[in-house]
Protein backbone atom coordinates (compact mmCIF):
# COMPACT_ATOMS: atom_id res chain seq x y z
CA MET A 1 71.06 -182.01 66.10
CA LYS A 2 67.41 -180.23 66.55
CA LYS A 3 67.86 -176.29 65.48
CA LYS A 4 65.85 -174.04 67.81
CA PRO A 5 62.69 -172.35 66.69
CA ALA A 6 63.67 -168.66 65.43
CA LEU A 7 60.95 -165.63 64.56
CA LYS A 8 61.66 -163.84 61.11
CA VAL A 9 60.28 -160.58 60.08
CA THR A 10 59.52 -160.82 56.44
CA GLU A 11 56.96 -157.77 56.41
CA GLU A 12 57.08 -154.83 58.55
CA GLY A 13 53.64 -153.12 58.78
CA SER A 14 52.84 -149.88 58.20
CA GLY A 15 50.16 -146.84 58.61
CA SER A 16 47.65 -146.42 61.62
CA ARG A 17 46.96 -150.05 61.91
CA PRO A 18 50.35 -151.99 60.43
CA GLU A 19 50.03 -155.36 59.78
CA SER A 20 53.37 -156.97 60.21
CA THR A 21 54.38 -160.64 58.75
CA PHE A 22 56.74 -163.31 60.41
CA ASP A 23 58.02 -167.03 59.59
CA LEU A 24 58.50 -169.19 62.62
CA GLU A 25 61.29 -171.20 61.12
CA ASN A 26 62.23 -174.77 62.73
CA ALA A 27 58.65 -174.87 64.62
CA GLY A 28 58.81 -178.70 65.39
CA ASP A 29 55.58 -180.82 66.14
CA LYS A 30 53.88 -178.63 68.91
CA LEU A 31 52.87 -175.28 68.70
CA GLU A 32 52.43 -173.45 72.05
CA VAL A 33 51.50 -169.50 71.92
CA LYS A 34 51.67 -167.70 75.31
CA LEU A 35 49.96 -164.32 75.80
CA GLU A 36 51.09 -162.31 78.79
CA SER A 37 49.55 -158.86 79.59
CA ASP A 38 50.30 -156.26 82.30
CA ASP A 39 47.01 -154.05 81.39
CA ASN A 40 44.13 -154.58 79.56
CA THR A 41 44.44 -155.62 76.17
CA TRP A 42 41.43 -156.79 73.51
CA LEU A 43 43.03 -159.85 71.76
CA GLN A 44 41.58 -162.03 68.77
CA VAL A 45 43.99 -165.02 68.07
CA SER A 46 43.17 -166.96 64.98
CA ASN A 47 44.61 -169.60 62.78
CA GLY A 48 44.90 -169.80 59.10
CA GLN A 49 41.53 -171.17 58.45
CA GLY A 50 40.18 -168.27 60.41
CA GLU A 51 39.23 -170.47 63.72
CA ASN A 52 39.51 -168.19 66.59
CA LYS A 53 41.47 -169.57 69.36
CA TYR A 54 41.07 -166.46 71.62
CA TYR A 55 38.72 -163.68 71.25
CA ASP A 56 38.40 -161.85 74.62
CA SER A 57 40.07 -158.90 76.40
CA LEU A 58 43.19 -159.83 78.14
CA THR A 59 44.12 -158.50 82.07
CA SER A 60 46.83 -159.07 84.04
CA ASP A 61 44.56 -161.09 86.06
CA LYS A 62 43.55 -163.63 83.06
CA SER A 63 47.56 -163.57 82.15
CA PRO A 64 49.10 -165.24 81.16
CA VAL A 65 46.63 -167.53 78.75
CA LYS A 66 48.64 -170.54 76.79
CA LEU A 67 47.20 -171.86 73.74
CA ASP A 68 48.12 -175.06 71.67
CA MET A 69 48.03 -174.70 68.01
CA SER A 70 49.81 -177.64 66.84
CA GLY A 71 48.98 -178.58 63.31
CA ASP A 72 48.20 -174.73 62.49
CA ASP A 73 50.04 -173.38 59.15
CA GLU A 74 49.41 -169.84 60.53
CA ILE A 75 48.82 -167.70 63.34
CA TYR A 76 47.06 -164.36 63.30
CA PHE A 77 47.06 -161.73 65.92
CA SER A 78 44.64 -158.57 66.20
CA ILE A 79 45.79 -156.63 69.18
CA GLY A 80 44.01 -153.72 70.76
CA ASN A 81 46.73 -152.52 72.78
CA ALA A 82 50.28 -154.35 71.46
CA ALA A 83 52.16 -152.16 74.09
CA ALA A 84 50.56 -154.25 77.34
CA LEU A 85 50.96 -157.81 75.33
CA THR A 86 53.97 -160.15 75.41
CA ILE A 87 53.36 -162.82 72.68
CA THR A 88 55.81 -165.84 73.11
CA ILE A 89 55.72 -168.89 70.60
CA ASN A 90 56.99 -171.78 71.33
CA GLY A 91 59.35 -170.12 73.93
CA VAL A 92 60.76 -167.75 71.39
CA LYS A 93 59.39 -164.04 72.36
CA LEU A 94 57.82 -161.75 69.53
CA ASP A 95 59.76 -158.45 69.32
CA TYR A 96 57.22 -155.83 67.52
CA PRO A 97 58.62 -154.48 64.07
CA VAL A 98 56.44 -151.52 64.56
CA ASP A 99 56.66 -149.74 68.20
CA PRO A 100 53.81 -150.70 70.10
CA GLN A 101 54.18 -147.66 72.11
CA GLN A 102 53.57 -145.51 68.77
CA HIS A 103 50.98 -147.83 67.13
CA VAL A 104 49.06 -149.92 70.16
CA VAL A 105 46.55 -151.25 67.39
CA GLN A 106 48.79 -154.01 65.48
CA LYS A 107 48.19 -156.99 63.46
CA ILE A 108 50.62 -159.97 63.27
CA ARG A 109 50.63 -162.71 60.60
CA VAL A 110 52.86 -165.78 61.69
CA HIS A 111 53.54 -168.40 58.84
CA VAL A 112 54.49 -171.67 60.34
CA LYS A 113 57.57 -173.44 58.88
CA GLU A 114 58.86 -176.48 59.63
């Protein structure tokens, strides 16, 4: 029986621009990232090799954006307005470990596990 994907916090960021780390367990073969914004946020999404998959502002008009990151073993998010951004990976919503209302600028690193 196939296990469902799960996001687990491995490190909670701190400071004024916190960087938190997650493991995405039971990722499977396909890796889809959905980004939704209800306001304006600057956003960079790259893989473990530093290749940008998204590098732009994301507005409610452009939302949602879907990225196929299949084959990547890491996803890195640099977020300018975390309070406005919802990140979903393989159907699992990412819950910010640091309150996005308190720290709008955040960095998130996700290690993809089989």
